[in-house]
Amino acid sequence: MEAFDISMPLRPGMIIYPGDAPLRIERSHSIARGDAYNLTWLQLGAHAGTHVDAPLHFIEGAADVTALPLGTLIGAAHVIDATAVTTDIDAAILQRLDIPPFARRLLFKTSNSLLWDRPDFSTDFIGITADAARLLVSKGMELVGMDYLSIAPNSDPASTHRVFLEAGVVVLEGIDLRHVHPGEYELVCLPLRVPGSDGAPARAVLLRR
């Protein structure tokens, strides 16, 4: 079995979405400094790196990240080749992509994957428009992932999120698909269990037999 870690490493100086808290990692206790053990202190936002959005992220009073069903976060997933797309993915573009009719979990591999090589946040990333999100909802999608820090276009961050989250679709953002070929995999995505949080960092892995 092949395993592909599609999570971004959490490290100081990593790319974060504008407005998010910067990530800090400090060694509070160190054997090298004479302590009996090493102990690391972390400070990060709930949407740092690879993460999952809960309905609460855009819907006041909605479910938090602990309510997301594990059965949705684990299962067959398709990596969709959208690397030739040069604009935001709208409904018309979506219909031209090779999406299996039985798919319930989609991970979009776009030119965004190349943006991880840049040192700073890029506003020219490709997102999924609200009309494309509605089309995916109508097809019974349960989870949709994007290879940058937002699934929505930079010009309209709210609409796409609301369409997905109001429909109960799990949003997975910040995945790294640079070394993953399009096709079918088994997804294992486990966000941190943080009661009351609108999202959580996740370790996301694709398995292929």
C-alpha atoms as a PDB file:
ATOM      1  CA  MET A   1       0.000   0.000   0.000  1.00  0.00           C
ATOM      2  CA  GLU A   2       1.206   3.513  -0.854  1.00  0.00           C
ATOM      3  CA  ALA A   3       0.556   6.342   1.565  1.00  0.00           C
ATOM      4  CA  PHE A   4       0.681  10.028   0.623  1.00  0.00           C
ATOM      5  CA  ASP A   5       0.726  12.667   3.329  1.00  0.00           C
ATOM      6  CA  ILE A   6      -1.167  15.627   1.861  1.00  0.00           C
ATOM      7  CA  SER A   7      -0.840  17.757   5.014  1.00  0.00           C
ATOM      8  CA  MET A   8       1.265  20.889   5.126  1.00  0.00           C
ATOM      9  CA  PRO A   9       3.942  20.840   7.849  1.00  0.00           C
ATOM     10  CA  LEU A  10       3.179  23.238  10.688  1.00  0.00           C
ATOM     11  CA  ARG A  11       6.215  25.485  11.085  1.00  0.00           C
ATOM     12  CA  PRO A  12       7.023  29.099  11.984  1.00  0.00           C
ATOM     13  CA  GLY A  13       6.882  31.377   8.961  1.00  0.00           C
ATOM     14  CA  MET A  14       4.509  29.127   7.021  1.00  0.00           C
ATOM     15  CA  ILE A  15       1.902  30.685   4.735  1.00  0.00           C
ATOM     16  CA  ILE A  16      -1.261  31.674   6.580  1.00  0.00           C
ATOM     17  CA  TYR A  17      -4.530  33.184   5.413  1.00  0.00           C
ATOM     18  CA  PRO A  18      -4.590  36.971   5.947  1.00  0.00           C
ATOM     19  CA  GLY A  19      -6.033  37.771   9.366  1.00  0.00           C
ATOM     20  CA  ASP A  20      -5.147  34.418  10.929  1.00  0.00           C
ATOM     21  CA  ALA A  21      -2.883  34.304  13.948  1.00  0.00           C
ATOM     22  CA  PRO A  22       0.776  33.654  13.124  1.00  0.00           C
ATOM     23  CA  LEU A  23       2.027  30.237  14.120  1.00  0.00           C
ATOM     24  CA  ARG A  24       4.564  30.006  16.957  1.00  0.00           C
ATOM     25  CA  ILE A  25       6.520  26.944  18.020  1.00  0.00           C
ATOM     26  CA  GLU A  26       8.823  27.280  21.010  1.00  0.00           C
ATOM     27  CA  ARG A  27      10.838  24.811  23.066  1.00  0.00           C
ATOM     28  CA  SER A  28       9.926  25.716  26.653  1.00  0.00           C
ATOM     29  CA  HIS A  29      12.076  22.935  28.157  1.00  0.00           C
ATOM     30  CA  SER A  30      15.215  21.572  26.561  1.00  0.00           C
ATOM     31  CA  ILE A  31      17.543  18.715  27.435  1.00  0.00           C
ATOM     32  CA  ALA A  32      20.336  20.663  25.703  1.00  0.00           C
ATOM     33  CA  ARG A  33      19.776  23.516  28.152  1.00  0.00           C
ATOM     34  CA  GLY A  34      19.905  21.190  31.171  1.00  0.00           C
ATOM     35  CA  ASP A  35      16.225  20.286  31.554  1.00  0.00           C
ATOM     36  CA  ALA A  36      15.172  16.691  32.172  1.00  0.00           C
ATOM     37  CA  TYR A  37      13.049  16.591  29.019  1.00  0.00           C
ATOM     38  CA  ASN A  38      12.102  18.437  25.836  1.00  0.00           C
ATOM     39  CA  LEU A  39       8.728  20.220  25.819  1.00  0.00           C
ATOM     40  CA  THR A  40       7.315  22.179  22.901  1.00  0.00           C
ATOM     41  CA  TRP A  41       4.789  25.002  23.138  1.00  0.00           C
ATOM     42  CA  LEU A  42       2.448  25.677  20.211  1.00  0.00           C
ATOM     43  CA  GLN A  43       0.333  28.690  19.320  1.00  0.00           C
ATOM     44  CA  LEU A  44      -1.714  28.540  16.120  1.00  0.00           C
ATOM     45  CA  GLY A  45      -5.062  29.388  14.592  1.00  0.00           C
ATOM     46  CA  ALA A  46      -7.740  26.773  14.012  1.00  0.00           C
ATOM     47  CA  HIS A  47      -7.317  27.211  10.257  1.00  0.00           C
ATOM     48  CA  ALA A  48      -3.540  26.928  10.091  1.00  0.00           C
ATOM     49  CA  GLY A  49      -2.086  24.775   7.349  1.00  0.00           C
ATOM     50  CA  THR A  50      -4.164  21.764   6.361  1.00  0.00           C
ATOM     51  CA  HIS A  51      -7.472  22.103   8.164  1.00  0.00           C
ATOM     52  CA  VAL A  52     -11.162  21.317   8.170  1.00  0.00           C
ATOM     53  CA  ASP A  53     -13.951  23.904   8.333  1.00  0.00           C
ATOM     54  CA  ALA A  54     -16.986  23.266  10.508  1.00  0.00           C
ATOM     55  CA  PRO A  55     -20.422  24.802   9.783  1.00  0.00           C
ATOM     56  CA  LEU A  56     -19.804  27.192  12.692  1.00  0.00           C
ATOM     57  CA  HIS A  57     -17.102  28.883  10.613  1.00  0.00           C
ATOM     58  CA  PHE A  58     -19.720  30.787   8.593  1.00  0.00           C
ATOM     59  CA  ILE A  59     -23.035  29.968  10.298  1.00  0.00           C
ATOM     60  CA  GLU A  60     -23.689  31.373  13.753  1.00  0.00           C
ATOM     61  CA  GLY A  61     -24.891  28.708  16.177  1.00  0.00           C
ATOM     62  CA  ALA A  62     -24.118  25.829  13.806  1.00  0.00           C
ATOM     63  CA  ALA A  63     -22.186  22.645  14.596  1.00  0.00           C
ATOM     64  CA  ASP A  64     -18.569  22.831  15.691  1.00  0.00           C
ATOM     65  CA  VAL A  65     -15.690  20.722  14.437  1.00  0.00           C
ATOM     66  CA  THR A  66     -16.320  17.908  16.929  1.00  0.00           C
ATOM     67  CA  ALA A  67     -19.705  17.229  15.294  1.00  0.00           C
ATOM     68  CA  LEU A  68     -18.233  16.406  11.887  1.00  0.00           C
ATOM     69  CA  PRO A  69     -18.976  12.757  11.052  1.00  0.00           C
ATOM     70  CA  LEU A  70     -15.926  10.507  10.974  1.00  0.00           C
ATOM     71  CA  GLY A  71     -17.589   8.479   8.239  1.00  0.00           C
ATOM     72  CA  THR A  72     -17.335  11.505   5.966  1.00  0.00           C
ATOM     73  CA  LEU A  73     -13.710  12.196   6.846  1.00  0.00           C
ATOM     74  CA  ILE A  74     -12.633   8.640   6.046  1.00  0.00           C
ATOM     75  CA  GLY A  75     -13.416   6.858   2.788  1.00  0.00           C
ATOM     76  CA  ALA A  76     -12.990   6.732  -0.976  1.00  0.00           C
ATOM     77  CA  ALA A  77     -11.871  10.063  -2.446  1.00  0.00           C
ATOM     78  CA  HIS A  78     -11.021  11.205  -5.943  1.00  0.00           C
ATOM     79  CA  VAL A  79      -8.201  13.601  -6.790  1.00  0.00           C
ATOM     80  CA  ILE A  80      -9.508  15.636  -9.709  1.00  0.00           C
ATOM     81  CA  ASP A  81      -7.109  17.024 -12.301  1.00  0.00           C
ATOM     82  CA  ALA A  82      -7.904  20.723 -12.662  1.00  0.00           C
ATOM     83  CA  THR A  83      -4.322  21.834 -13.329  1.00  0.00           C
ATOM     84  CA  ALA A  84      -5.266  23.233 -16.751  1.00  0.00           C
ATOM     85  CA  VAL A  85      -7.878  25.546 -15.246  1.00  0.00           C
ATOM     86  CA  THR A  86      -6.702  29.157 -15.140  1.00  0.00           C
ATOM     87  CA  THR A  87      -9.701  30.850 -13.509  1.00  0.00           C
ATOM     88  CA  ASP A  88     -11.970  30.112 -10.570  1.00  0.00           C
ATOM     89  CA  ILE A  89     -13.891  26.876 -11.045  1.00  0.00           C
ATOM     90  CA  ASP A  90     -17.485  27.781 -11.878  1.00  0.00           C
ATOM     91  CA  ALA A  91     -20.330  25.415 -12.782  1.00  0.00           C
ATOM     92  CA  ALA A  92     -19.465  25.422 -16.494  1.00  0.00           C
ATOM     93  CA  ILE A  93     -15.831  24.530 -15.845  1.00  0.00           C
ATOM     94  CA  LEU A  94     -16.829  21.941 -13.266  1.00  0.00           C
ATOM     95  CA  GLN A  95     -18.977  20.097 -15.810  1.00  0.00           C
ATOM     96  CA  ARG A  96     -15.958  19.755 -18.109  1.00  0.00           C
ATOM     97  CA  LEU A  97     -13.817  18.099 -15.458  1.00  0.00           C
ATOM     98  CA  ASP A  98     -13.552  14.324 -15.211  1.00  0.00           C
ATOM     99  CA  ILE A  99     -15.600  13.730 -12.070  1.00  0.00           C
ATOM    100  CA  PRO A 100     -16.863  10.161 -11.500  1.00  0.00           C
ATOM    101  CA  PRO A 101     -20.663  10.139 -11.116  1.00  0.00           C
ATOM    102  CA  PHE A 102     -20.449   8.035  -7.942  1.00  0.00           C
ATOM    103  CA  ALA A 103     -17.842  10.238  -6.219  1.00  0.00           C
ATOM    104  CA  ARG A 104     -18.727  11.611  -2.791  1.00  0.00           C
ATOM    105  CA  ARG A 105     -15.350  13.069  -1.794  1.00  0.00           C
ATOM    106  CA  LEU A 106     -13.416  15.287  -4.204  1.00  0.00           C
ATOM    107  CA  LEU A 107      -9.947  16.795  -3.838  1.00  0.00           C
ATOM    108  CA  PHE A 108      -9.136  19.376  -6.497  1.00  0.00           C
ATOM    109  CA  LYS A 109      -5.579  19.457  -7.777  1.00  0.00           C
ATOM    110  CA  THR A 110      -5.092  22.834  -9.440  1.00  0.00           C
ATOM    111  CA  SER A 111      -2.241  25.188 -10.228  1.00  0.00           C
ATOM    112  CA  ASN A 112      -2.635  26.252  -6.589  1.00  0.00           C
ATOM    113  CA  SER A 113      -0.317  23.406  -5.677  1.00  0.00           C
ATOM    114  CA  LEU A 114       2.559  25.432  -7.115  1.00  0.00           C
ATOM    115  CA  LEU A 115       1.735  28.338  -4.802  1.00  0.00           C
ATOM    116  CA  TRP A 116       3.075  26.407  -1.824  1.00  0.00           C
ATOM    117  CA  ASP A 117       6.552  27.119  -3.218  1.00  0.00           C
ATOM    118  CA  ARG A 118       6.037  30.869  -2.755  1.00  0.00           C
ATOM    119  CA  PRO A 119       7.130  32.438   0.542  1.00  0.00           C
ATOM    120  CA  ASP A 120       4.002  34.542   1.070  1.00  0.00           C
ATOM    121  CA  PHE A 121       0.233  34.228   0.703  1.00  0.00           C
ATOM    122  CA  SER A 122      -0.924  34.505  -2.920  1.00  0.00           C
ATOM    123  CA  THR A 123      -4.197  36.210  -3.785  1.00  0.00           C
ATOM    124  CA  ASP A 124      -4.268  34.758  -7.305  1.00  0.00           C
ATOM    125  CA  PHE A 125      -5.270  31.263  -6.180  1.00  0.00           C
ATOM    126  CA  ILE A 126      -8.088  29.325  -7.835  1.00  0.00           C
ATOM    127  CA  GLY A 127     -11.259  28.770  -5.851  1.00  0.00           C
ATOM    128  CA  ILE A 128     -14.656  27.150  -6.366  1.00  0.00           C
ATOM    129  CA  THR A 129     -17.482  29.579  -7.082  1.00  0.00           C
ATOM    130  CA  ALA A 130     -20.860  29.422  -5.364  1.00  0.00           C
ATOM    131  CA  ASP A 131     -22.671  28.097  -8.457  1.00  0.00           C
ATOM    132  CA  ALA A 132     -20.145  25.267  -8.768  1.00  0.00           C
ATOM    133  CA  ALA A 133     -20.579  24.559  -5.058  1.00  0.00           C
ATOM    134  CA  ARG A 134     -24.349  24.304  -5.524  1.00  0.00           C
ATOM    135  CA  LEU A 135     -23.793  21.867  -8.388  1.00  0.00           C
ATOM    136  CA  LEU A 136     -21.558  19.696  -6.217  1.00  0.00           C
ATOM    137  CA  VAL A 137     -24.154  19.743  -3.450  1.00  0.00           C
ATOM    138  CA  SER A 138     -26.814  18.617  -5.943  1.00  0.00           C
ATOM    139  CA  LYS A 139     -24.564  15.688  -6.886  1.00  0.00           C
ATOM    140  CA  GLY A 140     -24.536  14.486  -3.272  1.00  0.00           C
ATOM    141  CA  MET A 141     -20.979  15.484  -2.445  1.00  0.00           C
ATOM    142  CA  GLU A 142     -19.981  14.904   1.191  1.00  0.00           C
ATOM    143  CA  LEU A 143     -16.458  16.361   1.287  1.00  0.00           C
ATOM    144  CA  VAL A 144     -14.619  18.783  -0.980  1.00  0.00           C
ATOM    145  CA  GLY A 145     -10.951  19.668  -0.654  1.00  0.00           C
ATOM    146  CA  MET A 146      -8.814  22.373  -2.240  1.00  0.00           C
ATOM    147  CA  ASP A 147      -5.044  22.673  -2.573  1.00  0.00           C
ATOM    148  CA  TYR A 148      -4.724  26.107  -0.993  1.00  0.00           C
ATOM    149  CA  LEU A 149      -5.871  27.905   2.149  1.00  0.00           C
ATOM    150  CA  SER A 150      -9.391  28.700   0.955  1.00  0.00           C
ATOM    151  CA  ILE A 151     -11.884  26.715  -1.075  1.00  0.00           C
ATOM    152  CA  ALA A 152     -13.604  29.934  -2.130  1.00  0.00           C
ATOM    153  CA  PRO A 153     -12.414  32.561  -4.607  1.00  0.00           C
ATOM    154  CA  ASN A 154     -10.393  35.391  -3.132  1.00  0.00           C
ATOM    155  CA  SER A 155     -12.991  37.847  -4.479  1.00  0.00           C
ATOM    156  CA  ASP A 156     -15.896  36.165  -2.626  1.00  0.00           C
ATOM    157  CA  PRO A 157     -14.749  34.127   0.367  1.00  0.00           C
ATOM    158  CA  ALA A 158     -18.139  33.744   2.046  1.00  0.00           C
ATOM    159  CA  SER A 159     -20.653  32.497  -0.552  1.00  0.00           C
ATOM    160  CA  THR A 160     -18.990  29.200  -1.428  1.00  0.00           C
ATOM    161  CA  HIS A 161     -18.372  28.360   2.205  1.00  0.00           C
ATOM    162  CA  ARG A 162     -22.013  28.980   3.088  1.00  0.00           C
ATOM    163  CA  VAL A 163     -23.287  26.806   0.239  1.00  0.00           C
ATOM    164  CA  PHE A 164     -21.139  23.868   1.328  1.00  0.00           C
ATOM    165  CA  LEU A 165     -21.483  24.262   5.085  1.00  0.00           C
ATOM    166  CA  GLU A 166     -25.252  24.837   5.058  1.00  0.00           C
ATOM    167  CA  ALA A 167     -25.570  21.591   3.084  1.00  0.00           C
ATOM    168  CA  GLY A 168     -23.389  19.666   5.523  1.00  0.00           C
ATOM    169  CA  VAL A 169     -20.497  19.257   3.093  1.00  0.00           C
ATOM    170  CA  VAL A 170     -17.143  18.998   4.897  1.00  0.00           C
ATOM    171  CA  VAL A 171     -14.632  21.547   3.631  1.00  0.00           C
ATOM    172  CA  LEU A 172     -10.977  20.499   3.622  1.00  0.00           C
ATOM    173  CA  GLU A 173      -8.501  23.269   2.872  1.00  0.00           C
ATOM    174  CA  GLY A 174      -4.749  23.640   2.625  1.00  0.00           C
ATOM    175  CA  ILE A 175      -3.948  20.212   1.214  1.00  0.00           C
ATOM    176  CA  ASP A 176      -0.709  19.564  -0.646  1.00  0.00           C
ATOM    177  CA  LEU A 177      -1.244  17.615  -3.862  1.00  0.00           C
ATOM    178  CA  ARG A 178       2.051  18.447  -5.580  1.00  0.00           C
ATOM    179  CA  HIS A 179       3.204  14.830  -5.521  1.00  0.00           C
ATOM    180  CA  VAL A 180      -0.169  13.127  -5.914  1.00  0.00           C
ATOM    181  CA  HIS A 181      -1.513  11.934  -9.259  1.00  0.00           C
ATOM    182  CA  PRO A 182      -5.213  12.252 -10.122  1.00  0.00           C
ATOM    183  CA  GLY A 183      -7.280   9.171  -9.414  1.00  0.00           C
ATOM    184  CA  GLU A 184      -9.051   7.259  -6.685  1.00  0.00           C
ATOM    185  CA  TYR A 185      -7.645   6.909  -3.174  1.00  0.00           C
ATOM    186  CA  GLU A 186      -8.736   6.196   0.360  1.00  0.00           C
ATOM    187  CA  LEU A 187      -8.790   9.401   2.393  1.00  0.00           C
ATOM    188  CA  VAL A 188      -8.068   9.478   6.120  1.00  0.00           C
ATOM    189  CA  CYS A 189      -8.535  12.986   7.490  1.00  0.00           C
ATOM    190  CA  LEU A 190      -8.661  13.542  11.234  1.00  0.00           C
ATOM    191  CA  PRO A 191      -9.068  17.114  12.525  1.00  0.00           C
ATOM    192  CA  LEU A 192      -8.129  17.885  16.101  1.00  0.00           C
ATOM    193  CA  ARG A 193     -11.042  17.379  18.500  1.00  0.00           C
ATOM    194  CA  VAL A 194     -11.576  20.920  19.793  1.00  0.00           C
ATOM    195  CA  PRO A 195     -15.043  21.523  21.280  1.00  0.00           C
ATOM    196  CA  GLY A 196     -16.566  24.848  20.287  1.00  0.00           C
ATOM    197  CA  SER A 197     -14.116  25.488  17.451  1.00  0.00           C
ATOM    198  CA  ASP A 198     -15.163  26.545  13.942  1.00  0.00           C
ATOM    199  CA  GLY A 199     -12.362  24.469  12.443  1.00  0.00           C
ATOM    200  CA  ALA A 200      -9.243  22.516  13.295  1.00  0.00           C
ATOM    201  CA  PRO A 201      -5.880  21.560  11.824  1.00  0.00           C
ATOM    202  CA  ALA A 202      -5.914  18.048  10.393  1.00  0.00           C
ATOM    203  CA  ARG A 203      -3.543  15.290   9.338  1.00  0.00           C
ATOM    204  CA  ALA A 204      -4.789  14.175   5.924  1.00  0.00           C
ATOM    205  CA  VAL A 205      -3.426  11.072   4.214  1.00  0.00           C
ATOM    206  CA  LEU A 206      -4.286   9.356   0.950  1.00  0.00           C
ATOM    207  CA  LEU A 207      -3.890   5.584   0.664  1.00  0.00           C
ATOM    208  CA  ARG A 208      -3.671   3.566  -2.548  1.00  0.00           C
ATOM    209  CA  ARG A 209      -3.427  -0.194  -2.784  1.00  0.00           C
END
